[in-house]
Amino acid sequence: IDQLLALPPEEHSIELLKIKKEIEELNRHSIC
């Protein structure tokens, strides 16, 4: 995400959408 934020706004928005599903999964009980 840090790398994507270095991109132009219109590009990092598109790239973030590509990892949406993985992020939602990690948001649930990631450390226990």
PDB file of all heavy atoms in Angstrom:
ATOM      1  N   ILE A   1       0.836  -1.199   0.000  1.00  0.00           N
ATOM      2  CA  ILE A   1       0.000   0.000   0.000  1.00  0.00           C
ATOM      3  C   ILE A   1       0.872   1.250   0.000  1.00  0.00           C
ATOM      4  O   ILE A   1       0.572   2.238  -0.682  1.00  0.00           O
ATOM      5  CB  ILE A   1      -0.967  -0.022   1.197  1.00  0.00           C
ATOM      6  CG1 ILE A   1      -2.041  -1.108   0.985  1.00  0.00           C
ATOM      7  CG2 ILE A   1      -1.640   1.348   1.386  1.00  0.00           C
ATOM      8  CD1 ILE A   1      -2.938  -1.341   2.179  1.00  0.00           C
ATOM      9  N   ASP A   2       1.973   1.227   0.735  1.00  0.00           N
ATOM     10  CA  ASP A   2       2.906   2.361   0.714  1.00  0.00           C
ATOM     11  C   ASP A   2       3.422   2.618  -0.702  1.00  0.00           C
ATOM     12  O   ASP A   2       3.521   3.768  -1.148  1.00  0.00           O
ATOM     13  CB  ASP A   2       4.095   2.088   1.642  1.00  0.00           C
ATOM     14  CG  ASP A   2       3.740   2.323   3.105  1.00  0.00           C
ATOM     15  OD1 ASP A   2       2.650   2.852   3.370  1.00  0.00           O
ATOM     16  OD2 ASP A   2       4.558   1.963   3.978  1.00  0.00           O
ATOM     17  N   GLN A   3       3.738   1.535  -1.405  1.00  0.00           N
ATOM     18  CA  GLN A   3       4.231   1.667  -2.780  1.00  0.00           C
ATOM     19  C   GLN A   3       3.148   2.233  -3.695  1.00  0.00           C
ATOM     20  O   GLN A   3       3.408   3.097  -4.538  1.00  0.00           O
ATOM     21  CB  GLN A   3       4.709   0.308  -3.293  1.00  0.00           C
ATOM     22  CG  GLN A   3       5.944  -0.230  -2.574  1.00  0.00           C
ATOM     23  CD  GLN A   3       6.207  -1.693  -2.889  1.00  0.00           C
ATOM     24  OE1 GLN A   3       5.488  -2.312  -3.676  1.00  0.00           O
ATOM     25  NE2 GLN A   3       7.239  -2.248  -2.263  1.00  0.00           N
ATOM     26  N   LEU A   4       1.912   1.760  -3.506  1.00  0.00           N
ATOM     27  CA  LEU A   4       0.813   2.222  -4.358  1.00  0.00           C
ATOM     28  C   LEU A   4       0.497   3.694  -4.115  1.00  0.00           C
ATOM     29  O   LEU A   4       0.132   4.422  -5.044  1.00  0.00           O
ATOM     30  CB  LEU A   4      -0.439   1.373  -4.111  1.00  0.00           C
ATOM     31  CG  LEU A   4      -0.345  -0.115  -4.508  1.00  0.00           C
ATOM     32  CD1 LEU A   4      -1.659  -0.827  -4.223  1.00  0.00           C
ATOM     33  CD2 LEU A   4       0.026  -0.261  -5.975  1.00  0.00           C
ATOM     34  N   LEU A   5       0.654   4.128  -2.879  1.00  0.00           N
ATOM     35  CA  LEU A   5       0.367   5.527  -2.570  1.00  0.00           C
ATOM     36  C   LEU A   5       1.361   6.481  -3.220  1.00  0.00           C
ATOM     37  O   LEU A   5       1.089   7.682  -3.329  1.00  0.00           O
ATOM     38  CB  LEU A   5       0.354   5.738  -1.054  1.00  0.00           C
ATOM     39  CG  LEU A   5      -0.841   5.146  -0.304  1.00  0.00           C
ATOM     40  CD1 LEU A   5      -0.690   5.351   1.198  1.00  0.00           C
ATOM     41  CD2 LEU A   5      -2.149   5.754  -0.790  1.00  0.00           C
ATOM     42  N   ALA A   6       2.502   5.947  -3.645  1.00  0.00           N
ATOM     43  CA  ALA A   6       3.497   6.775  -4.338  1.00  0.00           C
ATOM     44  C   ALA A   6       3.110   7.017  -5.790  1.00  0.00           C
ATOM     45  O   ALA A   6       3.673   7.895  -6.459  1.00  0.00           O
ATOM     46  CB  ALA A   6       4.876   6.124  -4.259  1.00  0.00           C
ATOM     47  N   LEU A   7       2.133   6.250  -6.278  1.00  0.00           N
ATOM     48  CA  LEU A   7       1.662   6.417  -7.655  1.00  0.00           C
ATOM     49  C   LEU A   7       0.720   7.614  -7.753  1.00  0.00           C
ATOM     50  O   LEU A   7       0.196   8.089  -6.748  1.00  0.00           O
ATOM     51  CB  LEU A   7       0.921   5.150  -8.107  1.00  0.00           C
ATOM     52  CG  LEU A   7       1.712   3.839  -8.141  1.00  0.00           C
ATOM     53  CD1 LEU A   7       0.770   2.674  -8.432  1.00  0.00           C
ATOM     54  CD2 LEU A   7       2.821   3.906  -9.173  1.00  0.00           C
ATOM     55  N   PRO A   8       0.464   8.114  -8.959  1.00  0.00           N
ATOM     56  CA  PRO A   8      -0.557   9.154  -9.143  1.00  0.00           C
ATOM     57  C   PRO A   8      -1.906   8.658  -8.608  1.00  0.00           C
ATOM     58  O   PRO A   8      -2.204   7.455  -8.692  1.00  0.00           O
ATOM     59  CB  PRO A   8      -0.592   9.350 -10.657  1.00  0.00           C
ATOM     60  CG  PRO A   8       0.756   8.904 -11.121  1.00  0.00           C
ATOM     61  CD  PRO A   8       1.154   7.782 -10.227  1.00  0.00           C
ATOM     62  N   PRO A   9      -2.730   9.544  -8.062  1.00  0.00           N
ATOM     63  CA  PRO A   9      -3.993   9.142  -7.420  1.00  0.00           C
ATOM     64  C   PRO A   9      -4.875   8.243  -8.275  1.00  0.00           C
ATOM     65  O   PRO A   9      -5.437   7.264  -7.781  1.00  0.00           O
ATOM     66  CB  PRO A   9      -4.683  10.481  -7.131  1.00  0.00           C
ATOM     67  CG  PRO A   9      -3.556  11.444  -6.987  1.00  0.00           C
ATOM     68  CD  PRO A   9      -2.502  10.999  -7.952  1.00  0.00           C
ATOM     69  N   GLU A  10      -5.003   8.568  -9.584  1.00  0.00           N
ATOM     70  CA  GLU A  10      -5.890   7.758 -10.426  1.00  0.00           C
ATOM     71  C   GLU A  10      -5.359   6.335 -10.595  1.00  0.00           C
ATOM     72  O   GLU A  10      -6.128   5.382 -10.739  1.00  0.00           O
ATOM     73  CB  GLU A  10      -6.096   8.424 -11.793  1.00  0.00           C
ATOM     74  CG  GLU A  10      -4.825   8.601 -12.628  1.00  0.00           C
ATOM     75  CD  GLU A  10      -4.037   9.843 -12.273  1.00  0.00           C
ATOM     76  OE1 GLU A  10      -4.415  10.534 -11.295  1.00  0.00           O
ATOM     77  OE2 GLU A  10      -3.048  10.134 -12.980  1.00  0.00           O
ATOM     78  N   GLU A  11      -4.043   6.177 -10.530  1.00  0.00           N
ATOM     79  CA  GLU A  11      -3.449   4.845 -10.672  1.00  0.00           C
ATOM     80  C   GLU A  11      -3.543   4.042  -9.379  1.00  0.00           C
ATOM     81  O   GLU A  11      -3.882   2.860  -9.390  1.00  0.00           O
ATOM     82  CB  GLU A  11      -1.981   4.965 -11.110  1.00  0.00           C
ATOM     83  CG  GLU A  11      -1.772   5.480 -12.519  1.00  0.00           C
ATOM     84  CD  GLU A  11      -0.308   5.481 -12.916  1.00  0.00           C
ATOM     85  OE1 GLU A  11       0.422   4.542 -12.494  1.00  0.00           O
ATOM     86  OE2 GLU A  11       0.121   6.413 -13.612  1.00  0.00           O
ATOM     87  N   HIS A  12      -3.225   4.695  -8.248  1.00  0.00           N
ATOM     88  CA  HIS A  12      -3.252   3.888  -7.019  1.00  0.00           C
ATOM     89  C   HIS A  12      -4.676   3.487  -6.631  1.00  0.00           C
ATOM     90  O   HIS A  12      -4.885   2.472  -5.975  1.00  0.00           O
ATOM     91  CB  HIS A  12      -2.479   4.565  -5.870  1.00  0.00           C
ATOM     92  CG  HIS A  12      -3.116   5.760  -5.231  1.00  0.00           C
ATOM     93  ND1 HIS A  12      -2.424   6.919  -4.965  1.00  0.00           N
ATOM     94  CD2 HIS A  12      -4.360   5.982  -4.765  1.00  0.00           C
ATOM     95  CE1 HIS A  12      -3.215   7.780  -4.353  1.00  0.00           C
ATOM     96  NE2 HIS A  12      -4.391   7.243  -4.240  1.00  0.00           N
ATOM     97  N   SER A  13      -5.670   4.266  -7.044  1.00  0.00           N
ATOM     98  CA  SER A  13      -7.059   3.866  -6.795  1.00  0.00           C
ATOM     99  C   SER A  13      -7.380   2.559  -7.510  1.00  0.00           C
ATOM    100  O   SER A  13      -8.000   1.648  -6.941  1.00  0.00           O
ATOM    101  CB  SER A  13      -8.019   4.960  -7.267  1.00  0.00           C
ATOM    102  OG  SER A  13      -7.832   6.150  -6.535  1.00  0.00           O
ATOM    103  N   ILE A  14      -6.956   2.458  -8.744  1.00  0.00           N
ATOM    104  CA  ILE A  14      -7.199   1.247  -9.537  1.00  0.00           C
ATOM    105  C   ILE A  14      -6.451   0.059  -8.949  1.00  0.00           C
ATOM    106  O   ILE A  14      -6.978  -1.047  -8.811  1.00  0.00           O
ATOM    107  CB  ILE A  14      -6.789   1.477 -11.006  1.00  0.00           C
ATOM    108  CG1 ILE A  14      -7.691   2.543 -11.641  1.00  0.00           C
ATOM    109  CG2 ILE A  14      -6.859   0.177 -11.787  1.00  0.00           C
ATOM    110  CD1 ILE A  14      -7.234   3.002 -13.016  1.00  0.00           C
ATOM    111  N   GLU A  15      -5.189   0.279  -8.563  1.00  0.00           N
ATOM    112  CA  GLU A  15      -4.376  -0.806  -8.023  1.00  0.00           C
ATOM    113  C   GLU A  15      -4.898  -1.280  -6.670  1.00  0.00           C
ATOM    114  O   GLU A  15      -4.845  -2.475  -6.358  1.00  0.00           O
ATOM    115  CB  GLU A  15      -2.921  -0.350  -7.897  1.00  0.00           C
ATOM    116  CG  GLU A  15      -2.234  -0.087  -9.219  1.00  0.00           C
ATOM    117  CD  GLU A  15      -2.202  -1.324 -10.107  1.00  0.00           C
ATOM    118  OE1 GLU A  15      -1.901  -2.425  -9.579  1.00  0.00           O
ATOM    119  OE2 GLU A  15      -2.494  -1.191 -11.310  1.00  0.00           O
ATOM    120  N   LEU A  16      -5.396  -0.361  -5.856  1.00  0.00           N
ATOM    121  CA  LEU A  16      -5.958  -0.755  -4.563  1.00  0.00           C
ATOM    122  C   LEU A  16      -7.193  -1.629  -4.724  1.00  0.00           C
ATOM    123  O   LEU A  16      -7.424  -2.562  -3.948  1.00  0.00           O
ATOM    124  CB  LEU A  16      -6.295   0.490  -3.740  1.00  0.00           C
ATOM    125  CG  LEU A  16      -5.115   1.175  -3.050  1.00  0.00           C
ATOM    126  CD1 LEU A  16      -5.514   2.550  -2.546  1.00  0.00           C
ATOM    127  CD2 LEU A  16      -4.590   0.331  -1.893  1.00  0.00           C
ATOM    128  N   LEU A  17      -7.977  -1.331  -5.751  1.00  0.00           N
ATOM    129  CA  LEU A  17      -9.168  -2.146  -6.010  1.00  0.00           C
ATOM    130  C   LEU A  17      -8.807  -3.599  -6.288  1.00  0.00           C
ATOM    131  O   LEU A  17      -9.542  -4.521  -5.939  1.00  0.00           O
ATOM    132  CB  LEU A  17      -9.953  -1.575  -7.188  1.00  0.00           C
ATOM    133  CG  LEU A  17     -10.934  -0.448  -6.877  1.00  0.00           C
ATOM    134  CD1 LEU A  17     -11.490   0.136  -8.162  1.00  0.00           C
ATOM    135  CD2 LEU A  17     -12.071  -0.975  -6.014  1.00  0.00           C
ATOM    136  N   LYS A  18      -7.642  -3.806  -6.872  1.00  0.00           N
ATOM    137  CA  LYS A  18      -7.219  -5.163  -7.242  1.00  0.00           C
ATOM    138  C   LYS A  18      -6.927  -6.024  -6.012  1.00  0.00           C
ATOM    139  O   LYS A  18      -6.969  -7.250  -6.090  1.00  0.00           O
ATOM    140  CB  LYS A  18      -5.983  -5.094  -8.142  1.00  0.00           C
ATOM    141  CG  LYS A  18      -6.247  -4.469  -9.514  1.00  0.00           C
ATOM    142  CD  LYS A  18      -4.959  -4.409 -10.344  1.00  0.00           C
ATOM    143  CE  LYS A  18      -5.208  -3.761 -11.699  1.00  0.00           C
ATOM    144  NZ  LYS A  18      -3.953  -3.653 -12.497  1.00  0.00           N
ATOM    145  N   ILE A  19      -6.592  -5.381  -4.896  1.00  0.00           N
ATOM    146  CA  ILE A  19      -6.269  -6.163  -3.693  1.00  0.00           C
ATOM    147  C   ILE A  19      -7.366  -6.065  -2.636  1.00  0.00           C
ATOM    148  O   ILE A  19      -7.173  -6.435  -1.483  1.00  0.00           O
ATOM    149  CB  ILE A  19      -4.911  -5.724  -3.093  1.00  0.00           C
ATOM    150  CG1 ILE A  19      -4.929  -4.242  -2.730  1.00  0.00           C
ATOM    151  CG2 ILE A  19      -3.781  -6.017  -4.055  1.00  0.00           C
ATOM    152  CD1 ILE A  19      -3.688  -3.786  -1.974  1.00  0.00           C
ATOM    153  N   LYS A  20      -8.533  -5.562  -3.032  1.00  0.00           N
ATOM    154  CA  LYS A  20      -9.641  -5.357  -2.095  1.00  0.00           C
ATOM    155  C   LYS A  20     -10.026  -6.647  -1.370  1.00  0.00           C
ATOM    156  O   LYS A  20     -10.171  -6.664  -0.144  1.00  0.00           O
ATOM    157  CB  LYS A  20     -10.851  -4.805  -2.843  1.00  0.00           C
ATOM    158  CG  LYS A  20     -12.099  -4.617  -1.985  1.00  0.00           C
ATOM    159  CD  LYS A  20     -13.218  -4.003  -2.801  1.00  0.00           C
ATOM    160  CE  LYS A  20     -14.469  -3.790  -1.981  1.00  0.00           C
ATOM    161  NZ  LYS A  20     -15.154  -5.055  -1.660  1.00  0.00           N
ATOM    162  N   LYS A  21     -10.171  -7.732  -2.097  1.00  0.00           N
ATOM    163  CA  LYS A  21     -10.617  -8.988  -1.495  1.00  0.00           C
ATOM    164  C   LYS A  21      -9.611  -9.495  -0.462  1.00  0.00           C
ATOM    165  O   LYS A  21      -9.987  -9.947   0.622  1.00  0.00           O
ATOM    166  CB  LYS A  21     -10.834 -10.040  -2.584  1.00  0.00           C
ATOM    167  CG  LYS A  21     -11.448 -11.335  -2.078  1.00  0.00           C
ATOM    168  CD  LYS A  21     -11.747 -12.286  -3.223  1.00  0.00           C
ATOM    169  CE  LYS A  21     -12.388 -13.565  -2.716  1.00  0.00           C
ATOM    170  NZ  LYS A  21     -12.686 -14.521  -3.825  1.00  0.00           N
ATOM    171  N   GLU A  22      -8.321  -9.423  -0.812  1.00  0.00           N
ATOM    172  CA  GLU A  22      -7.285  -9.886   0.110  1.00  0.00           C
ATOM    173  C   GLU A  22      -7.251  -9.035   1.377  1.00  0.00           C
ATOM    174  O   GLU A  22      -7.097  -9.556   2.489  1.00  0.00           O
ATOM    175  CB  GLU A  22      -5.913  -9.842  -0.572  1.00  0.00           C
ATOM    176  CG  GLU A  22      -5.728 -10.869  -1.679  1.00  0.00           C
ATOM    177  CD  GLU A  22      -6.176 -10.336  -3.035  1.00  0.00           C
ATOM    178  OE1 GLU A  22      -6.942  -9.349  -3.047  1.00  0.00           O
ATOM    179  OE2 GLU A  22      -5.759 -10.897  -4.062  1.00  0.00           O
ATOM    180  N   ILE A  23      -7.427  -7.728   1.217  1.00  0.00           N
ATOM    181  CA  ILE A  23      -7.424  -6.827   2.375  1.00  0.00           C
ATOM    182  C   ILE A  23      -8.605  -7.143   3.296  1.00  0.00           C
ATOM    183  O   ILE A  23      -8.463  -7.191   4.525  1.00  0.00           O
ATOM    184  CB  ILE A  23      -7.493  -5.350   1.916  1.00  0.00           C
ATOM    185  CG1 ILE A  23      -6.213  -4.970   1.170  1.00  0.00           C
ATOM    186  CG2 ILE A  23      -7.730  -4.433   3.091  1.00  0.00           C
ATOM    187  CD1 ILE A  23      -4.968  -5.052   2.006  1.00  0.00           C
ATOM    188  N   GLU A  24      -9.775  -7.363   2.729  1.00  0.00           N
ATOM    189  CA  GLU A  24     -10.950  -7.664   3.539  1.00  0.00           C
ATOM    190  C   GLU A  24     -10.750  -8.954   4.325  1.00  0.00           C
ATOM    191  O   GLU A  24     -11.190  -9.068   5.477  1.00  0.00           O
ATOM    192  CB  GLU A  24     -12.188  -7.769   2.643  1.00  0.00           C
ATOM    193  CG  GLU A  24     -12.643  -6.416   2.101  1.00  0.00           C
ATOM    194  CD  GLU A  24     -13.813  -6.537   1.141  1.00  0.00           C
ATOM    195  OE1 GLU A  24     -14.094  -7.679   0.700  1.00  0.00           O
ATOM    196  OE2 GLU A  24     -14.436  -5.514   0.833  1.00  0.00           O
ATOM    197  N   GLU A  25     -10.075  -9.924   3.731  1.00  0.00           N
ATOM    198  CA  GLU A  25      -9.808 -11.187   4.429  1.00  0.00           C
ATOM    199  C   GLU A  25      -8.831 -10.964   5.584  1.00  0.00           C
ATOM    200  O   GLU A  25      -9.013 -11.486   6.690  1.00  0.00           O
ATOM    201  CB  GLU A  25      -9.243 -12.215   3.444  1.00  0.00           C
ATOM    202  CG  GLU A  25      -8.845 -13.547   4.081  1.00  0.00           C
ATOM    203  CD  GLU A  25     -10.003 -14.259   4.745  1.00  0.00           C
ATOM    204  OE1 GLU A  25     -11.151 -14.109   4.299  1.00  0.00           O
ATOM    205  OE2 GLU A  25      -9.740 -14.977   5.737  1.00  0.00           O
ATOM    206  N   LEU A  26      -7.795 -10.171   5.348  1.00  0.00           N
ATOM    207  CA  LEU A  26      -6.799  -9.912   6.395  1.00  0.00           C
ATOM    208  C   LEU A  26      -7.374  -9.074   7.538  1.00  0.00           C
ATOM    209  O   LEU A  26      -6.871  -9.138   8.661  1.00  0.00           O
ATOM    210  CB  LEU A  26      -5.582  -9.200   5.799  1.00  0.00           C
ATOM    211  CG  LEU A  26      -4.644 -10.056   4.949  1.00  0.00           C
ATOM    212  CD1 LEU A  26      -3.555  -9.195   4.336  1.00  0.00           C
ATOM    213  CD2 LEU A  26      -4.015 -11.167   5.785  1.00  0.00           C
ATOM    214  N   ASN A  27      -8.407  -8.318   7.256  1.00  0.00           N
ATOM    215  CA  ASN A  27      -9.011  -7.493   8.305  1.00  0.00           C
ATOM    216  C   ASN A  27      -9.687  -8.329   9.381  1.00  0.00           C
ATOM    217  O   ASN A  27     -10.006  -7.829  10.467  1.00  0.00           O
ATOM    218  CB  ASN A  27     -10.038  -6.527   7.693  1.00  0.00           C
ATOM    219  CG  ASN A  27      -9.388  -5.279   7.137  1.00  0.00           C
ATOM    220  OD1 ASN A  27      -8.289  -4.910   7.522  1.00  0.00           O
ATOM    221  ND2 ASN A  27     -10.062  -4.619   6.208  1.00  0.00           N
ATOM    222  N   ARG A  28      -9.921  -9.617   9.104  1.00  0.00           N
ATOM    223  CA  ARG A  28     -10.589 -10.483  10.060  1.00  0.00           C
ATOM    224  C   ARG A  28      -9.568 -11.354  10.776  1.00  0.00           C
ATOM    225  O   ARG A  28      -8.970 -12.246  10.186  1.00  0.00           O
ATOM    226  CB  ARG A  28     -11.637 -11.357   9.355  1.00  0.00           C
ATOM    227  CG  ARG A  28     -12.809 -10.578   8.775  1.00  0.00           C
ATOM    228  CD  ARG A  28     -13.913 -11.522   8.329  1.00  0.00           C
ATOM    229  NE  ARG A  28     -13.548 -12.231   7.124  1.00  0.00           N
ATOM    230  CZ  ARG A  28     -13.818 -11.812   5.895  1.00  0.00           C
ATOM    231  NH1 ARG A  28     -14.427 -10.654   5.723  1.00  0.00           N
ATOM    232  NH2 ARG A  28     -13.461 -12.519   4.852  1.00  0.00           N
ATOM    233  N   HIS A  29      -9.353 -11.093  12.064  1.00  0.00           N
ATOM    234  CA  HIS A  29      -8.515 -11.938  12.920  1.00  0.00           C
ATOM    235  C   HIS A  29      -7.154 -12.225  12.295  1.00  0.00           C
ATOM    236  O   HIS A  29      -6.819 -13.361  11.967  1.00  0.00           O
ATOM    237  CB  HIS A  29      -9.233 -13.264  13.216  1.00  0.00           C
ATOM    238  CG  HIS A  29     -10.580 -13.068  13.835  1.00  0.00           C
ATOM    239  ND1 HIS A  29     -10.752 -12.607  15.116  1.00  0.00           N
ATOM    240  CD2 HIS A  29     -11.823 -13.254  13.330  1.00  0.00           C
ATOM    241  CE1 HIS A  29     -12.036 -12.516  15.388  1.00  0.00           C
ATOM    242  NE2 HIS A  29     -12.709 -12.904  14.328  1.00  0.00           N
ATOM    243  N   SER A  30      -6.356 -11.184  12.144  1.00  0.00           N
ATOM    244  CA  SER A  30      -5.066 -11.345  11.463  1.00  0.00           C
ATOM    245  C   SER A  30      -3.936 -11.737  12.391  1.00  0.00           C
ATOM    246  O   SER A  30      -2.904 -12.228  11.932  1.00  0.00           O
ATOM    247  CB  SER A  30      -4.694 -10.042  10.735  1.00  0.00           C
ATOM    248  OG  SER A  30      -4.577  -8.973  11.654  1.00  0.00           O
ATOM    249  N   ILE A  31      -4.070 -11.544  13.716  1.00  0.00           N
ATOM    250  CA  ILE A  31      -2.926 -11.852  14.592  1.00  0.00           C
ATOM    251  C   ILE A  31      -3.257 -12.816  15.729  1.00  0.00           C
ATOM    252  O   ILE A  31      -2.417 -13.068  16.581  1.00  0.00           O
ATOM    253  CB  ILE A  31      -2.305 -10.561  15.176  1.00  0.00           C
ATOM    254  CG1 ILE A  31      -3.318  -9.764  15.989  1.00  0.00           C
ATOM    255  CG2 ILE A  31      -1.702  -9.703  14.070  1.00  0.00           C
ATOM    256  CD1 ILE A  31      -2.705  -8.543  16.688  1.00  0.00           C
ATOM    257  N   CYS A  32      -4.481 -13.343  15.760  1.00  0.00           N
ATOM    258  CA  CYS A  32      -4.773 -14.419  16.719  1.00  0.00           C
ATOM    259  C   CYS A  32      -5.961 -15.216  16.206  1.00  0.00           C
ATOM    260  O   CYS A  32      -6.621 -14.830  15.234  1.00  0.00           O
ATOM    261  CB  CYS A  32      -5.049 -13.869  18.120  1.00  0.00           C
ATOM    262  SG  CYS A  32      -6.648 -13.100  18.341  1.00  0.00           S
TER     263      CYS A  32
END
